[in-house]
């Protein structure tokens, strides 16, 4: 679907765009689908759900709802690609990774967010997940770029990262958790390691 840069907004039937769990998505993408040139306004419910391999190209979230987009599906080989676009005002996460496979986020910008990406910390069924960030800029306020679960084999590869408005370098680039299937995931480490793959010297602060 090519939205022609039109704005799409949710309705009360979809939810209020807050952090209430289980809000339905505004767009649900089948395996192999592409959504491009779309502006998602408020309320945004649970944004976009991807049921397998999918591409989001030049999609913009004016006010992120529960999440901007979620990767679901069941194949370890599936890839969700976010290319271009941006998001702002995410009280919690921008991108949520619930299914297996890989999420690629490139040429993307975000501002006023909690986390940019989170591999699900407490899904009933857990998987090995991978995320690749390329040419991404984040403007504070922001807490964390990446959260992954090494105990399930998760990895994150980051390059071309720019943080704007953070002279104290307080934004956490990559943090790890012990993921679970019940309860809450425990935070383990922050910074580069064998699962968080990046060079801190290459992160630009402006």
N, C-alpha and C. Protein backbone atom coordinates (compact mmCIF):
# COMPACT_ATOMS: atom_id res chain seq x y z
N UNK A 1 0.84 -1.19 0.00
CA UNK A 1 0.00 0.00 0.00
C UNK A 1 0.88 1.24 0.00
N UNK A 2 0.61 2.15 -0.92
CA UNK A 2 1.26 3.45 -0.95
C UNK A 2 0.22 4.48 -0.51
N UNK A 3 0.46 5.10 0.66
CA UNK A 3 -0.53 6.01 1.22
C UNK A 3 -0.50 7.40 0.64
N UNK A 4 0.48 7.69 -0.23
CA UNK A 4 0.52 9.00 -0.86
C UNK A 4 0.73 10.14 0.12
N UNK A 5 1.38 9.84 1.26
CA UNK A 5 1.65 10.83 2.32
C UNK A 5 0.37 11.41 2.92
N UNK A 6 -0.68 10.60 2.94
CA UNK A 6 -1.90 11.01 3.65
C UNK A 6 -1.80 10.63 5.12
N UNK A 7 -2.56 11.32 5.94
CA UNK A 7 -2.57 11.07 7.38
C UNK A 7 -3.72 10.12 7.73
N UNK A 8 -3.40 9.11 8.53
CA UNK A 8 -4.40 8.15 9.00
C UNK A 8 -4.45 8.23 10.52
N UNK A 9 -5.65 8.34 11.06
CA UNK A 9 -5.84 8.44 12.50
C UNK A 9 -6.80 7.36 12.97
N UNK A 10 -6.57 6.89 14.20
CA UNK A 10 -7.42 5.86 14.76
C UNK A 10 -8.75 6.40 15.24
N UNK A 11 -9.57 5.51 15.75
CA UNK A 11 -10.87 5.86 16.30
C UNK A 11 -10.98 5.31 17.71
N UNK A 12 -12.00 5.72 18.42
CA UNK A 12 -12.21 5.25 19.79
C UNK A 12 -12.36 3.72 19.83
N UNK A 13 -12.86 3.15 18.75
CA UNK A 13 -13.04 1.70 18.71
C UNK A 13 -11.70 0.96 18.74
N UNK A 14 -10.64 1.61 18.26
CA UNK A 14 -9.32 0.99 18.27
C UNK A 14 -8.57 1.23 19.57
N UNK A 15 -8.94 2.25 20.31
CA UNK A 15 -8.25 2.57 21.54
C UNK A 15 -7.86 4.03 21.57
N UNK A 16 -7.33 4.45 22.72
CA UNK A 16 -7.01 5.86 22.89
C UNK A 16 -5.58 6.21 22.54
N UNK A 17 -4.80 5.22 22.09
CA UNK A 17 -3.41 5.48 21.74
C UNK A 17 -2.51 5.62 22.94
N UNK A 18 -2.99 5.25 24.14
CA UNK A 18 -2.16 5.27 25.34
C UNK A 18 -1.39 3.98 25.49
N UNK A 19 -1.02 3.66 26.73
CA UNK A 19 -0.22 2.46 26.98
C UNK A 19 -1.06 1.26 27.40
N UNK A 20 -2.36 1.33 27.20
CA UNK A 20 -3.21 0.19 27.49
C UNK A 20 -2.85 -0.99 26.60
N UNK A 21 -2.67 -2.17 27.21
CA UNK A 21 -2.27 -3.34 26.45
C UNK A 21 -3.41 -3.83 25.54
N UNK A 22 -3.03 -4.55 24.50
CA UNK A 22 -3.94 -5.26 23.60
C UNK A 22 -4.80 -4.35 22.74
N UNK A 23 -4.36 -3.11 22.49
CA UNK A 23 -5.05 -2.31 21.49
C UNK A 23 -4.76 -2.90 20.11
N UNK A 24 -5.74 -2.91 19.22
CA UNK A 24 -5.51 -3.44 17.88
C UNK A 24 -4.66 -2.47 17.06
N UNK A 25 -4.08 -2.95 15.97
CA UNK A 25 -3.28 -2.07 15.12
C UNK A 25 -4.15 -1.24 14.18
N UNK A 26 -3.57 -0.18 13.67
CA UNK A 26 -4.23 0.58 12.61
C UNK A 26 -4.00 -0.08 11.26
N UNK A 27 -2.81 -0.66 11.09
CA UNK A 27 -2.48 -1.40 9.87
C UNK A 27 -1.96 -2.76 10.26
N UNK A 28 -2.47 -3.81 9.59
CA UNK A 28 -1.97 -5.16 9.80
C UNK A 28 -1.41 -5.67 8.48
N UNK A 29 -0.13 -5.99 8.47
CA UNK A 29 0.55 -6.37 7.24
C UNK A 29 0.71 -7.88 7.16
N UNK A 30 0.24 -8.45 6.05
CA UNK A 30 0.43 -9.87 5.80
C UNK A 30 1.89 -10.14 5.45
N UNK A 31 2.26 -11.41 5.49
CA UNK A 31 3.62 -11.81 5.13
C UNK A 31 3.93 -11.33 3.72
N UNK A 32 5.00 -10.57 3.56
CA UNK A 32 5.42 -10.07 2.26
C UNK A 32 4.92 -8.69 1.91
N UNK A 33 4.13 -8.07 2.78
CA UNK A 33 3.52 -6.78 2.47
C UNK A 33 4.48 -5.61 2.66
N UNK A 34 4.18 -4.50 1.96
CA UNK A 34 4.90 -3.24 2.10
C UNK A 34 3.91 -2.12 2.37
N UNK A 35 4.21 -1.30 3.36
CA UNK A 35 3.44 -0.09 3.65
C UNK A 35 4.38 1.09 3.49
N UNK A 36 3.99 2.07 2.67
CA UNK A 36 4.90 3.18 2.44
C UNK A 36 4.15 4.50 2.28
N UNK A 37 4.91 5.58 2.55
CA UNK A 37 4.40 6.95 2.37
C UNK A 37 3.09 7.18 3.13
N UNK A 38 3.16 6.92 4.44
CA UNK A 38 2.00 7.05 5.31
C UNK A 38 2.37 7.90 6.52
N UNK A 39 1.47 8.77 6.95
CA UNK A 39 1.59 9.50 8.20
C UNK A 39 0.53 8.96 9.15
N UNK A 40 0.97 8.49 10.30
CA UNK A 40 0.05 7.96 11.29
C UNK A 40 -0.12 9.00 12.39
N UNK A 41 -1.33 9.56 12.48
CA UNK A 41 -1.61 10.59 13.47
C UNK A 41 -2.13 10.00 14.77
N UNK A 42 -2.63 10.87 15.64
CA UNK A 42 -3.15 10.43 16.93
C UNK A 42 -4.68 10.50 16.94
N UNK A 43 -5.33 9.52 17.61
CA UNK A 43 -4.73 8.40 18.33
C UNK A 43 -4.27 7.31 17.37
N UNK A 44 -3.17 6.63 17.74
CA UNK A 44 -2.53 5.68 16.83
C UNK A 44 -2.71 4.23 17.25
N UNK A 45 -3.53 3.97 18.29
CA UNK A 45 -3.77 2.60 18.76
C UNK A 45 -2.44 1.86 18.91
N UNK A 46 -2.33 0.65 18.33
CA UNK A 46 -1.05 -0.08 18.41
C UNK A 46 -0.33 -0.06 17.08
N UNK A 47 -0.48 1.02 16.33
CA UNK A 47 0.35 1.27 15.16
C UNK A 47 0.22 0.25 14.06
N UNK A 48 1.32 -0.45 13.78
CA UNK A 48 1.40 -1.41 12.67
C UNK A 48 1.81 -2.77 13.23
N UNK A 49 1.13 -3.82 12.79
CA UNK A 49 1.53 -5.19 13.12
C UNK A 49 2.00 -5.87 11.85
N UNK A 50 3.11 -6.57 11.94
CA UNK A 50 3.67 -7.30 10.80
C UNK A 50 3.58 -8.79 11.09
N UNK A 51 2.91 -9.55 10.21
CA UNK A 51 2.66 -10.97 10.44
C UNK A 51 3.72 -11.88 9.81
N UNK A 52 4.81 -11.32 9.36
CA UNK A 52 5.88 -12.11 8.76
C UNK A 52 6.92 -11.17 8.19
N UNK A 53 7.41 -11.45 7.00
CA UNK A 53 8.31 -10.53 6.33
C UNK A 53 7.52 -9.31 5.89
N UNK A 54 8.05 -8.11 6.14
CA UNK A 54 7.35 -6.91 5.70
C UNK A 54 8.33 -5.75 5.61
N UNK A 55 7.88 -4.69 4.95
CA UNK A 55 8.68 -3.48 4.81
C UNK A 55 7.83 -2.27 5.13
N UNK A 56 8.35 -1.38 5.96
CA UNK A 56 7.74 -0.07 6.22
C UNK A 56 8.69 0.97 5.65
N UNK A 57 8.25 1.66 4.63
CA UNK A 57 9.12 2.61 3.93
C UNK A 57 8.52 4.01 4.02
N UNK A 58 9.28 4.93 4.59
CA UNK A 58 8.84 6.32 4.73
C UNK A 58 7.50 6.43 5.46
N UNK A 59 7.44 5.76 6.60
CA UNK A 59 6.26 5.84 7.46
C UNK A 59 6.60 6.73 8.65
N UNK A 60 5.67 7.65 8.99
CA UNK A 60 5.89 8.63 10.04
C UNK A 60 4.81 8.52 11.11
N UNK A 61 5.23 8.47 12.36
CA UNK A 61 4.31 8.44 13.49
C UNK A 61 4.38 9.79 14.20
N UNK A 62 3.29 10.54 14.20
CA UNK A 62 3.28 11.86 14.83
C UNK A 62 3.21 11.77 16.35
N UNK A 63 2.55 10.73 16.84
CA UNK A 63 2.39 10.54 18.28
C UNK A 63 2.17 9.04 18.50
N UNK A 64 3.26 8.35 18.84
CA UNK A 64 3.21 6.89 18.94
C UNK A 64 2.18 6.47 19.97
N UNK A 65 1.38 5.46 19.63
CA UNK A 65 0.40 4.92 20.56
C UNK A 65 1.05 3.92 21.49
N UNK A 66 0.41 2.74 21.65
CA UNK A 66 0.99 1.71 22.52
C UNK A 66 2.41 1.39 22.05
N UNK A 67 2.57 1.09 20.78
CA UNK A 67 3.87 0.98 20.11
C UNK A 67 3.68 1.49 18.69
N UNK A 68 4.78 1.85 18.02
CA UNK A 68 4.66 2.29 16.63
C UNK A 68 4.44 1.09 15.71
N UNK A 69 5.25 0.04 15.89
CA UNK A 69 5.11 -1.14 15.05
C UNK A 69 5.62 -2.36 15.82
N UNK A 70 5.00 -3.51 15.54
CA UNK A 70 5.34 -4.76 16.22
C UNK A 70 5.58 -5.85 15.20
N UNK A 71 6.69 -6.56 15.34
CA UNK A 71 6.96 -7.72 14.50
C UNK A 71 6.43 -8.96 15.19
N UNK A 72 5.54 -9.67 14.50
CA UNK A 72 4.96 -10.90 15.03
C UNK A 72 5.46 -12.08 14.16
N UNK A 73 4.58 -12.87 13.62
CA UNK A 73 5.00 -13.97 12.76
C UNK A 73 5.61 -15.10 13.54
N UNK A 74 6.11 -16.13 12.81
CA UNK A 74 6.62 -17.34 13.47
C UNK A 74 7.86 -17.93 12.82
N UNK A 75 8.40 -17.30 11.78
CA UNK A 75 9.54 -17.86 11.06
C UNK A 75 10.85 -17.21 11.50
N UNK A 76 11.84 -18.04 11.77
CA UNK A 76 13.15 -17.53 12.18
C UNK A 76 13.83 -16.75 11.05
N UNK A 77 13.40 -16.97 9.81
CA UNK A 77 14.03 -16.29 8.67
C UNK A 77 13.34 -15.00 8.28
N UNK A 78 12.24 -14.64 8.94
CA UNK A 78 11.49 -13.44 8.55
C UNK A 78 12.29 -12.18 8.90
N UNK A 79 12.15 -11.17 8.05
CA UNK A 79 12.83 -9.89 8.25
C UNK A 79 11.81 -8.77 8.13
N UNK A 80 11.77 -7.91 9.12
CA UNK A 80 10.97 -6.69 9.08
C UNK A 80 11.93 -5.54 8.86
N UNK A 81 11.70 -4.76 7.79
CA UNK A 81 12.60 -3.67 7.45
C UNK A 81 11.87 -2.34 7.58
N UNK A 82 12.42 -1.45 8.39
CA UNK A 82 11.92 -0.08 8.50
C UNK A 82 12.95 0.81 7.83
N UNK A 83 12.59 1.42 6.73
CA UNK A 83 13.54 2.20 5.94
C UNK A 83 13.00 3.62 5.77
N UNK A 84 13.68 4.59 6.39
CA UNK A 84 13.22 5.96 6.33
C UNK A 84 12.10 6.20 7.33
N UNK A 85 11.61 7.42 7.35
CA UNK A 85 10.53 7.77 8.25
C UNK A 85 11.02 8.16 9.63
N UNK A 86 10.08 8.28 10.56
CA UNK A 86 10.43 8.70 11.90
C UNK A 86 9.25 8.59 12.85
N UNK A 87 9.54 8.79 14.13
CA UNK A 87 8.51 8.69 15.17
C UNK A 87 8.84 9.64 16.31
N UNK A 88 7.78 10.13 16.95
CA UNK A 88 7.99 10.96 18.13
C UNK A 88 6.92 10.68 19.17
N UNK A 89 7.23 11.08 20.39
CA UNK A 89 6.30 10.97 21.51
C UNK A 89 5.88 9.52 21.77
N UNK A 90 6.88 8.67 22.02
CA UNK A 90 6.62 7.28 22.41
C UNK A 90 6.86 7.17 23.91
N UNK A 91 5.78 7.06 24.69
CA UNK A 91 5.92 7.00 26.14
C UNK A 91 6.74 5.79 26.56
N UNK A 92 6.66 4.71 25.80
CA UNK A 92 7.42 3.50 26.13
C UNK A 92 8.32 3.14 24.95
N UNK A 93 7.87 2.24 24.09
CA UNK A 93 8.71 1.75 22.99
C UNK A 93 8.22 2.29 21.65
N UNK A 94 9.16 2.37 20.70
CA UNK A 94 8.80 2.64 19.32
C UNK A 94 8.55 1.31 18.61
N UNK A 95 9.55 0.43 18.59
CA UNK A 95 9.42 -0.85 17.88
C UNK A 95 9.48 -2.01 18.87
N UNK A 96 8.49 -2.90 18.76
CA UNK A 96 8.39 -4.07 19.63
C UNK A 96 8.60 -5.33 18.79
N UNK A 97 9.43 -6.24 19.28
CA UNK A 97 9.76 -7.46 18.54
C UNK A 97 9.25 -8.65 19.34
N UNK A 98 8.14 -9.23 18.92
CA UNK A 98 7.53 -10.35 19.63
C UNK A 98 7.81 -11.69 18.98
N UNK A 99 7.80 -11.75 17.66
CA UNK A 99 8.08 -12.99 16.95
C UNK A 99 9.58 -13.20 16.80
N UNK A 100 9.97 -14.26 16.09
CA UNK A 100 11.39 -14.50 15.83
C UNK A 100 11.87 -13.66 14.65
N UNK A 101 13.12 -13.88 14.26
CA UNK A 101 13.65 -13.25 13.06
C UNK A 101 14.43 -11.99 13.33
N UNK A 102 14.48 -11.13 12.32
CA UNK A 102 15.35 -9.95 12.34
C UNK A 102 14.53 -8.70 12.05
N UNK A 103 14.85 -7.62 12.75
CA UNK A 103 14.30 -6.31 12.45
C UNK A 103 15.44 -5.40 12.03
N UNK A 104 15.29 -4.75 10.88
CA UNK A 104 16.28 -3.80 10.38
C UNK A 104 15.66 -2.41 10.43
N UNK A 105 16.33 -1.49 11.10
CA UNK A 105 15.86 -0.11 11.22
C UNK A 105 16.95 0.78 10.64
N UNK A 106 16.66 1.44 9.52
CA UNK A 106 17.70 2.25 8.89
C UNK A 106 17.12 3.56 8.36
N UNK A 107 18.00 4.56 8.34
CA UNK A 107 17.62 5.89 7.83
C UNK A 107 16.39 6.43 8.56
N UNK A 108 16.40 6.26 9.87
CA UNK A 108 15.22 6.55 10.70
C UNK A 108 15.57 7.60 11.74
N UNK A 109 14.58 8.40 12.13
CA UNK A 109 14.78 9.39 13.18
C UNK A 109 13.67 9.31 14.20
N UNK A 110 14.02 9.59 15.46
CA UNK A 110 13.03 9.53 16.53
C UNK A 110 13.34 10.61 17.55
N UNK A 111 12.29 11.07 18.24
CA UNK A 111 12.48 12.07 19.30
C UNK A 111 11.43 11.88 20.38
N UNK A 112 11.83 12.18 21.60
CA UNK A 112 10.95 12.08 22.76
C UNK A 112 10.40 10.66 22.89
N UNK A 113 11.30 9.71 23.20
CA UNK A 113 10.92 8.30 23.27
C UNK A 113 11.45 7.67 24.55
N UNK A 114 10.87 6.51 24.89
CA UNK A 114 11.43 5.69 25.95
C UNK A 114 12.53 4.83 25.36
N UNK A 115 12.15 3.76 24.67
CA UNK A 115 13.09 2.90 23.96
C UNK A 115 12.80 2.96 22.46
N UNK A 116 13.82 2.82 21.65
CA UNK A 116 13.61 2.73 20.21
C UNK A 116 13.19 1.31 19.83
N UNK A 117 13.83 0.30 20.42
CA UNK A 117 13.56 -1.10 20.07
C UNK A 117 13.64 -1.96 21.33
N UNK A 118 12.70 -2.91 21.45
CA UNK A 118 12.76 -3.87 22.55
C UNK A 118 12.39 -5.25 22.05
N UNK A 119 13.29 -6.20 22.25
CA UNK A 119 12.97 -7.61 22.09
C UNK A 119 12.12 -8.00 23.29
N UNK A 120 10.97 -8.61 23.04
CA UNK A 120 10.00 -8.85 24.11
C UNK A 120 10.64 -9.51 25.32
N UNK A 121 10.44 -8.90 26.48
CA UNK A 121 11.06 -9.41 27.69
C UNK A 121 10.29 -10.51 28.38
N UNK A 122 8.99 -10.60 28.12
CA UNK A 122 8.17 -11.57 28.87
C UNK A 122 7.04 -12.17 28.04
N UNK A 123 7.26 -12.37 26.76
CA UNK A 123 6.24 -13.02 25.93
C UNK A 123 6.04 -14.47 26.37
N UNK A 124 4.83 -14.99 26.20
CA UNK A 124 4.54 -16.38 26.57
C UNK A 124 5.43 -17.35 25.82
N UNK A 125 5.71 -17.04 24.56
CA UNK A 125 6.64 -17.84 23.77
C UNK A 125 7.81 -16.94 23.39
N UNK A 126 9.02 -17.35 23.70
CA UNK A 126 10.19 -16.54 23.42
C UNK A 126 11.00 -17.14 22.26
N UNK A 127 11.74 -16.25 21.57
CA UNK A 127 12.51 -16.65 20.40
C UNK A 127 13.88 -15.97 20.43
N UNK A 128 14.72 -16.45 19.56
CA UNK A 128 15.96 -15.73 19.25
C UNK A 128 15.62 -14.61 18.28
N UNK A 129 16.08 -13.40 18.60
CA UNK A 129 15.75 -12.24 17.78
C UNK A 129 17.01 -11.43 17.50
N UNK A 130 17.00 -10.73 16.36
CA UNK A 130 18.15 -9.92 15.98
C UNK A 130 17.65 -8.56 15.49
N UNK A 131 18.43 -7.52 15.79
CA UNK A 131 18.09 -6.18 15.34
C UNK A 131 19.33 -5.53 14.76
N UNK A 132 19.14 -4.79 13.67
CA UNK A 132 20.22 -4.06 13.00
C UNK A 132 19.80 -2.61 12.88
N UNK A 133 20.60 -1.70 13.44
CA UNK A 133 20.36 -0.26 13.32
C UNK A 133 21.42 0.34 12.41
N UNK A 134 20.99 1.08 11.41
CA UNK A 134 21.92 1.72 10.48
C UNK A 134 21.45 3.14 10.18
N UNK A 135 22.30 4.10 10.43
CA UNK A 135 22.00 5.50 10.12
C UNK A 135 20.70 5.94 10.82
N UNK A 136 20.74 5.93 12.13
CA UNK A 136 19.59 6.28 12.96
C UNK A 136 19.96 7.46 13.85
N UNK A 137 19.07 8.45 13.94
CA UNK A 137 19.29 9.59 14.83
C UNK A 137 18.15 9.68 15.83
N UNK A 138 18.51 9.98 17.08
CA UNK A 138 17.53 10.07 18.16
C UNK A 138 17.75 11.39 18.90
N UNK A 139 16.68 12.15 19.07
CA UNK A 139 16.73 13.42 19.79
C UNK A 139 16.12 13.25 21.17
N UNK A 140 16.85 13.68 22.20
CA UNK A 140 16.33 13.54 23.56
C UNK A 140 15.12 14.46 23.75
N UNK A 141 14.23 14.16 24.72
CA UNK A 141 14.39 13.11 25.71
C UNK A 141 14.25 11.70 25.14
N UNK A 142 15.13 10.83 25.63
CA UNK A 142 15.12 9.43 25.26
C UNK A 142 15.86 8.67 26.35
N UNK A 143 15.48 7.43 26.58
CA UNK A 143 16.12 6.63 27.62
C UNK A 143 17.09 5.61 27.04
N UNK A 144 16.62 4.83 26.08
CA UNK A 144 17.40 3.69 25.59
C UNK A 144 17.14 3.49 24.11
N UNK A 145 18.19 3.09 23.37
CA UNK A 145 17.97 2.72 21.98
C UNK A 145 17.52 1.28 21.85
N UNK A 146 18.27 0.36 22.43
CA UNK A 146 18.06 -1.07 22.19
C UNK A 146 17.97 -1.83 23.51
N UNK A 147 17.01 -2.77 23.60
CA UNK A 147 16.94 -3.71 24.71
C UNK A 147 16.77 -5.12 24.17
N UNK A 148 17.70 -6.02 24.53
CA UNK A 148 17.68 -7.39 24.00
C UNK A 148 17.85 -8.41 25.13
N UNK A 149 17.57 -9.69 24.78
CA UNK A 149 17.65 -10.79 25.75
C UNK A 149 18.72 -11.80 25.31
N UNK A 150 19.95 -11.66 25.78
CA UNK A 150 21.00 -12.59 25.36
C UNK A 150 20.72 -14.05 25.74
N UNK A 151 19.94 -14.28 26.80
CA UNK A 151 19.68 -15.68 27.19
C UNK A 151 18.86 -16.42 26.15
N UNK A 152 18.24 -15.70 25.21
CA UNK A 152 17.55 -16.35 24.09
C UNK A 152 18.34 -16.25 22.79
N UNK A 153 19.57 -15.71 22.86
CA UNK A 153 20.42 -15.62 21.67
C UNK A 153 20.28 -14.33 20.91
N UNK A 154 19.62 -13.32 21.47
CA UNK A 154 19.44 -12.05 20.78
C UNK A 154 20.77 -11.36 20.49
N UNK A 155 20.82 -10.63 19.38
CA UNK A 155 21.96 -9.77 19.08
C UNK A 155 21.46 -8.44 18.53
N UNK A 156 22.30 -7.42 18.69
CA UNK A 156 22.04 -6.10 18.13
C UNK A 156 23.30 -5.61 17.45
N UNK A 157 23.18 -5.12 16.22
CA UNK A 157 24.30 -4.54 15.48
C UNK A 157 23.96 -3.09 15.16
N UNK A 158 24.82 -2.17 15.58
CA UNK A 158 24.53 -0.75 15.44
C UNK A 158 25.66 -0.04 14.70
N UNK A 159 25.28 0.84 13.78
CA UNK A 159 26.26 1.67 13.08
C UNK A 159 25.56 2.96 12.63
N UNK A 160 26.33 4.04 12.55
CA UNK A 160 25.77 5.30 12.10
C UNK A 160 24.77 5.89 13.06
N UNK A 161 25.04 5.79 14.36
CA UNK A 161 24.11 6.27 15.38
C UNK A 161 24.46 7.71 15.77
N UNK A 162 23.45 8.60 15.79
CA UNK A 162 23.62 9.99 16.22
C UNK A 162 22.61 10.31 17.30
N UNK A 163 23.11 10.86 18.42
CA UNK A 163 22.24 11.28 19.52
C UNK A 163 22.28 12.81 19.58
N UNK A 164 21.12 13.44 19.57
CA UNK A 164 21.02 14.89 19.54
C UNK A 164 20.50 15.42 20.88
N UNK A 165 21.20 16.42 21.42
CA UNK A 165 20.75 17.07 22.64
C UNK A 165 21.07 16.32 23.92
N UNK A 166 22.13 15.53 23.92
CA UNK A 166 22.49 14.73 25.10
C UNK A 166 23.97 14.94 25.45
N UNK A 167 24.34 16.16 25.90
CA UNK A 167 25.75 16.44 26.17
C UNK A 167 26.34 15.56 27.26
N UNK A 168 25.52 15.09 28.20
CA UNK A 168 26.01 14.22 29.25
C UNK A 168 26.07 12.75 28.85
N UNK A 169 25.67 12.44 27.62
CA UNK A 169 25.69 11.08 27.08
C UNK A 169 24.98 10.10 28.02
N UNK A 170 23.77 10.47 28.44
CA UNK A 170 23.00 9.65 29.37
C UNK A 170 22.12 8.62 28.67
N UNK A 171 21.84 8.82 27.39
CA UNK A 171 21.01 7.84 26.67
C UNK A 171 21.76 6.52 26.59
N UNK A 172 21.12 5.43 27.00
CA UNK A 172 21.73 4.10 26.94
C UNK A 172 21.61 3.59 25.51
N UNK A 173 22.74 3.22 24.94
CA UNK A 173 22.73 2.77 23.55
C UNK A 173 22.19 1.34 23.43
N UNK A 174 22.67 0.44 24.28
CA UNK A 174 22.21 -0.95 24.21
C UNK A 174 22.25 -1.56 25.60
N UNK A 175 21.16 -2.18 26.01
CA UNK A 175 21.14 -2.84 27.31
C UNK A 175 20.58 -4.25 27.16
N UNK A 176 21.01 -5.12 28.08
CA UNK A 176 20.59 -6.51 28.01
C UNK A 176 19.72 -6.86 29.21
N UNK A 177 18.86 -7.86 28.99
CA UNK A 177 17.94 -8.34 30.01
C UNK A 177 17.97 -9.87 30.03
N UNK A 178 17.54 -10.44 31.14
CA UNK A 178 17.25 -11.87 31.16
C UNK A 178 15.77 -12.02 30.88
N UNK A 179 15.46 -12.39 29.65
CA UNK A 179 14.08 -12.53 29.25
C UNK A 179 13.41 -13.71 29.93
N UNK A 180 12.09 -13.62 30.08
CA UNK A 180 11.31 -14.65 30.77
C UNK A 180 10.02 -14.91 29.99
N UNK A 181 9.31 -15.96 30.37
CA UNK A 181 7.99 -16.23 29.81
C UNK A 181 6.89 -15.93 30.82
N UNK A 182 7.29 -15.51 32.00
CA UNK A 182 6.32 -15.14 33.03
C UNK A 182 7.01 -14.16 33.98
N UNK A 183 6.30 -13.14 34.39
CA UNK A 183 6.91 -12.15 35.28
C UNK A 183 7.57 -11.03 34.49
N UNK A 184 8.60 -10.44 35.07
CA UNK A 184 9.29 -9.32 34.45
C UNK A 184 10.75 -9.66 34.18
N UNK A 185 11.24 -9.22 33.04
CA UNK A 185 12.64 -9.44 32.68
C UNK A 185 13.55 -8.58 33.56
N UNK A 186 14.67 -9.15 33.99
CA UNK A 186 15.63 -8.43 34.83
C UNK A 186 16.71 -7.80 33.97
N UNK A 187 16.99 -6.52 34.22
CA UNK A 187 18.04 -5.83 33.49
C UNK A 187 19.40 -6.35 33.93
N UNK A 188 20.29 -6.57 32.95
CA UNK A 188 21.59 -7.14 33.24
C UNK A 188 22.73 -6.15 33.03
N UNK A 189 22.95 -5.72 31.80
CA UNK A 189 24.11 -4.89 31.49
C UNK A 189 23.72 -3.76 30.55
N UNK A 190 24.60 -2.80 30.41
CA UNK A 190 24.46 -1.77 29.39
C UNK A 190 25.83 -1.52 28.78
N UNK A 191 25.83 -1.18 27.50
CA UNK A 191 27.09 -0.96 26.80
C UNK A 191 27.42 -2.09 25.86
N UNK A 192 28.53 -1.97 25.13
CA UNK A 192 28.89 -2.99 24.14
C UNK A 192 29.35 -4.29 24.79
N UNK A 193 29.00 -5.41 24.14
CA UNK A 193 29.45 -6.73 24.59
C UNK A 193 29.26 -7.70 23.43
N UNK A 194 29.30 -8.97 23.69
CA UNK A 194 29.22 -9.96 22.60
C UNK A 194 27.84 -10.03 21.97
N UNK A 195 26.83 -9.43 22.61
CA UNK A 195 25.49 -9.39 22.02
C UNK A 195 25.12 -8.00 21.53
N UNK A 196 25.59 -6.97 22.22
CA UNK A 196 25.41 -5.58 21.78
C UNK A 196 26.65 -5.18 20.98
N UNK A 197 26.54 -5.25 19.67
CA UNK A 197 27.71 -5.13 18.80
C UNK A 197 27.79 -3.73 18.21
N UNK A 198 28.63 -2.89 18.83
CA UNK A 198 28.88 -1.55 18.32
C UNK A 198 30.12 -0.99 18.99
N UNK A 199 30.69 0.06 18.39
CA UNK A 199 31.84 0.74 18.93
C UNK A 199 31.39 2.07 19.51
N UNK A 200 31.47 2.28 20.83
CA UNK A 200 31.01 3.54 21.42
C UNK A 200 31.68 4.77 20.80
N UNK A 201 32.90 4.62 20.30
CA UNK A 201 33.62 5.74 19.72
C UNK A 201 32.97 6.24 18.44
N UNK A 202 32.13 5.40 17.83
CA UNK A 202 31.50 5.80 16.56
C UNK A 202 30.13 6.42 16.76
N UNK A 203 29.63 6.45 18.00
CA UNK A 203 28.34 7.09 18.28
C UNK A 203 28.57 8.60 18.33
N UNK A 204 27.85 9.34 17.49
CA UNK A 204 28.02 10.79 17.40
C UNK A 204 27.04 11.49 18.32
N UNK A 205 27.54 12.49 19.07
CA UNK A 205 26.70 13.31 19.94
C UNK A 205 26.74 14.74 19.45
N UNK A 206 25.57 15.31 19.21
CA UNK A 206 25.49 16.67 18.65
C UNK A 206 24.46 17.50 19.40
